[in-house]
Amino acid sequence: MQPYRKTEIAVGIFVFLGIMAMSWMAIKLGQIGGLGSSGYHISATFEDAGGLRAGADVMLAGVSIGRVASVQLKDQEEALLILEIQNGVKLTTDAIAAVRTKGIIGERYVRISQGADEDTLNDGDELEETESAINIEDLISKYIFSGKE
């Protein structure tokens, strides 16, 4: 019975290590509970977030540099976004944040355009310049109802 006992222990250790590795990957890739994320936070206020949700990408020059940590209502009329930016990425104080759509009917993301200022944003700072989401339904209704009767 001894050889079977050693095999059972080896299989148990192998299964345990496999479960630990899968858990670590889930935490790192899924950013569960903030354990898989690191970076600094900046805020941005938009008139219309256009259905943007927490976890959406933040992109600079077409490269993902972070994610939207939270979307909140500010003063009952504006959307306050908290953006988590990767360490090592420096955003200028005059950068512009815009809510955009990937493709025609794709998901929403925040696009950052760097400014010319040399000063950079730090943890807790706010982006002053923002562009709200373009609402296609509003554009279509303006076009339809702008005709002369």
Protein backbone atom coordinates (compact mmCIF):
# COMPACT_ATOMS: atom_id res chain seq x y z
CA MET A 1 0.00 0.00 0.00
CA GLN A 2 2.97 2.33 0.38
CA PRO A 3 3.49 2.98 -3.38
CA TYR A 4 -0.14 4.04 -3.78
CA ARG A 5 0.11 6.39 -0.82
CA LYS A 6 3.09 8.25 -2.38
CA THR A 7 1.21 8.55 -5.68
CA GLU A 8 -1.87 9.95 -3.94
CA ILE A 9 0.21 12.54 -2.09
CA ALA A 10 2.00 13.58 -5.31
CA VAL A 11 -1.32 13.93 -7.17
CA GLY A 12 -2.77 15.95 -4.26
CA ILE A 13 0.17 18.35 -4.27
CA PHE A 14 -0.05 18.71 -8.06
CA VAL A 15 -3.80 19.49 -7.90
CA PHE A 16 -3.26 21.97 -5.05
CA LEU A 17 -0.53 23.81 -6.99
CA GLY A 18 -2.77 23.88 -10.09
CA ILE A 19 -5.63 25.45 -8.13
CA MET A 20 -3.27 28.03 -6.61
CA ALA A 21 -1.90 28.95 -10.06
CA MET A 22 -5.40 29.35 -11.51
CA SER A 23 -6.44 31.52 -8.54
CA TRP A 24 -3.41 33.75 -8.99
CA MET A 25 -4.17 34.17 -12.70
CA ALA A 26 -7.80 35.05 -11.95
CA ILE A 27 -6.69 37.72 -9.49
CA LYS A 28 -4.06 39.21 -11.83
CA LEU A 29 -6.12 39.12 -15.03
CA GLY A 30 -9.50 39.88 -13.51
CA GLN A 31 -8.19 42.50 -11.09
CA ILE A 32 -10.35 40.99 -8.35
CA GLY A 33 -10.58 43.13 -5.26
CA GLY A 34 -7.88 45.48 -6.48
CA LEU A 35 -5.17 42.88 -5.84
CA GLY A 36 -4.22 42.65 -9.49
CA SER A 37 -4.05 46.36 -10.10
CA SER A 38 -1.51 49.04 -9.41
CA GLY A 39 -1.34 52.64 -10.40
CA TYR A 40 -2.51 56.09 -9.47
CA HIS A 41 -6.02 57.54 -9.57
CA ILE A 42 -7.21 60.69 -11.30
CA SER A 43 -10.75 61.99 -11.67
CA ALA A 44 -12.61 63.52 -14.59
CA THR A 45 -16.08 65.10 -14.73
CA PHE A 46 -18.30 64.64 -17.80
CA GLU A 47 -21.71 66.07 -18.68
CA ASP A 48 -22.63 62.68 -20.16
CA ALA A 49 -20.71 59.43 -19.59
CA GLY A 50 -22.73 57.70 -22.34
CA GLY A 51 -23.22 54.42 -20.49
CA LEU A 52 -19.55 53.98 -19.62
CA ARG A 53 -19.05 51.36 -16.91
CA ALA A 54 -16.41 50.60 -14.33
CA GLY A 55 -13.70 48.39 -15.79
CA ALA A 56 -13.72 50.10 -19.21
CA ASP A 57 -10.36 50.79 -20.85
CA VAL A 58 -8.46 54.07 -20.62
CA MET A 59 -6.37 54.50 -23.77
CA LEU A 60 -3.58 56.82 -24.85
CA ALA A 61 -2.40 56.69 -28.48
CA GLY A 62 -4.39 53.48 -28.98
CA VAL A 63 -2.67 51.71 -26.09
CA SER A 64 -4.48 50.69 -22.91
CA ILE A 65 -2.92 52.58 -19.98
CA GLY A 66 -5.50 51.86 -17.32
CA ARG A 67 -9.14 51.31 -16.54
CA VAL A 68 -12.17 53.14 -15.20
CA ALA A 69 -12.24 52.38 -11.47
CA SER A 70 -15.69 53.87 -10.82
CA VAL A 71 -18.49 55.93 -12.34
CA GLN A 72 -20.50 58.10 -9.96
CA LEU A 73 -23.15 60.80 -10.13
CA LYS A 74 -21.80 64.21 -9.11
CA ASP A 75 -24.15 66.99 -7.94
CA GLN A 76 -27.14 65.17 -9.48
CA GLU A 77 -26.19 66.39 -12.97
CA GLU A 78 -22.72 65.25 -14.01
CA ALA A 79 -20.79 61.99 -14.14
CA LEU A 80 -17.60 61.69 -12.08
CA LEU A 81 -15.16 59.08 -13.36
CA ILE A 82 -12.25 57.80 -11.30
CA LEU A 83 -9.54 56.55 -13.66
CA GLU A 84 -6.79 54.17 -12.54
CA ILE A 85 -3.66 54.86 -14.60
CA GLN A 86 -0.67 52.48 -14.67
CA ASN A 87 2.44 53.52 -12.80
CA GLY A 88 5.04 54.88 -15.19
CA VAL A 89 2.48 56.58 -17.47
CA LYS A 90 2.63 60.34 -17.02
CA LEU A 91 -0.33 62.48 -18.11
CA THR A 92 0.09 66.21 -18.61
CA THR A 93 -2.06 68.64 -16.63
CA ASP A 94 -3.68 69.87 -19.85
CA ALA A 95 -4.55 66.38 -21.16
CA ILE A 96 -8.05 65.90 -22.58
CA ALA A 97 -10.26 62.93 -21.66
CA ALA A 98 -13.02 61.91 -24.07
CA VAL A 99 -15.60 59.12 -23.96
CA ARG A 100 -15.45 57.21 -27.25
CA THR A 101 -16.82 54.02 -28.78
CA LYS A 102 -14.79 51.13 -30.20
CA GLY A 103 -16.25 50.64 -33.66
CA ILE A 104 -19.78 51.62 -34.67
CA ILE A 105 -21.68 49.81 -31.93
CA GLY A 106 -18.75 48.72 -29.76
CA GLU A 107 -18.04 49.23 -26.11
CA ARG A 108 -17.24 52.61 -24.59
CA TYR A 109 -13.78 53.64 -23.41
CA VAL A 110 -11.95 56.79 -22.29
CA ARG A 111 -9.45 58.24 -24.75
CA ILE A 112 -6.75 60.51 -23.35
CA SER A 113 -5.00 63.06 -25.56
CA GLN A 114 -1.81 64.54 -24.12
CA GLY A 115 -1.39 68.29 -24.02
CA ALA A 116 1.70 70.46 -24.45
CA ASP A 117 2.19 71.25 -20.75
CA GLU A 118 5.29 69.83 -19.07
CA ASP A 119 3.67 69.43 -15.65
CA THR A 120 2.12 66.04 -14.94
CA LEU A 121 -0.86 64.82 -12.95
CA ASN A 122 -0.37 63.08 -9.61
CA ASP A 123 -2.51 60.69 -7.60
CA GLY A 124 -5.82 62.36 -6.72
CA ASP A 125 -5.60 65.15 -9.33
CA GLU A 126 -8.44 65.98 -11.71
CA LEU A 127 -8.45 66.24 -15.50
CA GLU A 128 -9.92 69.65 -16.30
CA GLU A 129 -10.65 69.17 -20.01
CA THR A 130 -13.25 66.53 -20.94
CA GLU A 131 -15.43 65.69 -23.93
CA SER A 132 -18.68 63.86 -23.26
CA ALA A 133 -19.93 60.89 -25.23
CA ILE A 134 -21.54 61.49 -28.60
CA ASN A 135 -25.12 60.29 -28.46
CA ILE A 136 -26.12 58.94 -31.89
CA GLU A 137 -29.84 58.93 -30.99
CA ASP A 138 -29.72 62.66 -30.22
CA LEU A 139 -27.94 63.38 -33.49
CA ILE A 140 -30.50 61.40 -35.49
CA SER A 141 -33.46 63.05 -33.77
CA LYS A 142 -31.98 66.51 -34.39
CA TYR A 143 -31.55 65.67 -38.05
CA ILE A 144 -35.06 64.24 -38.44
CA PHE A 145 -36.84 67.03 -36.60
CA SER A 146 -34.75 69.90 -37.97
CA GLY A 147 -36.54 69.79 -41.33
CA LYS A 148 -39.09 72.46 -42.29
CA GLU A 149 -42.75 71.60 -41.94
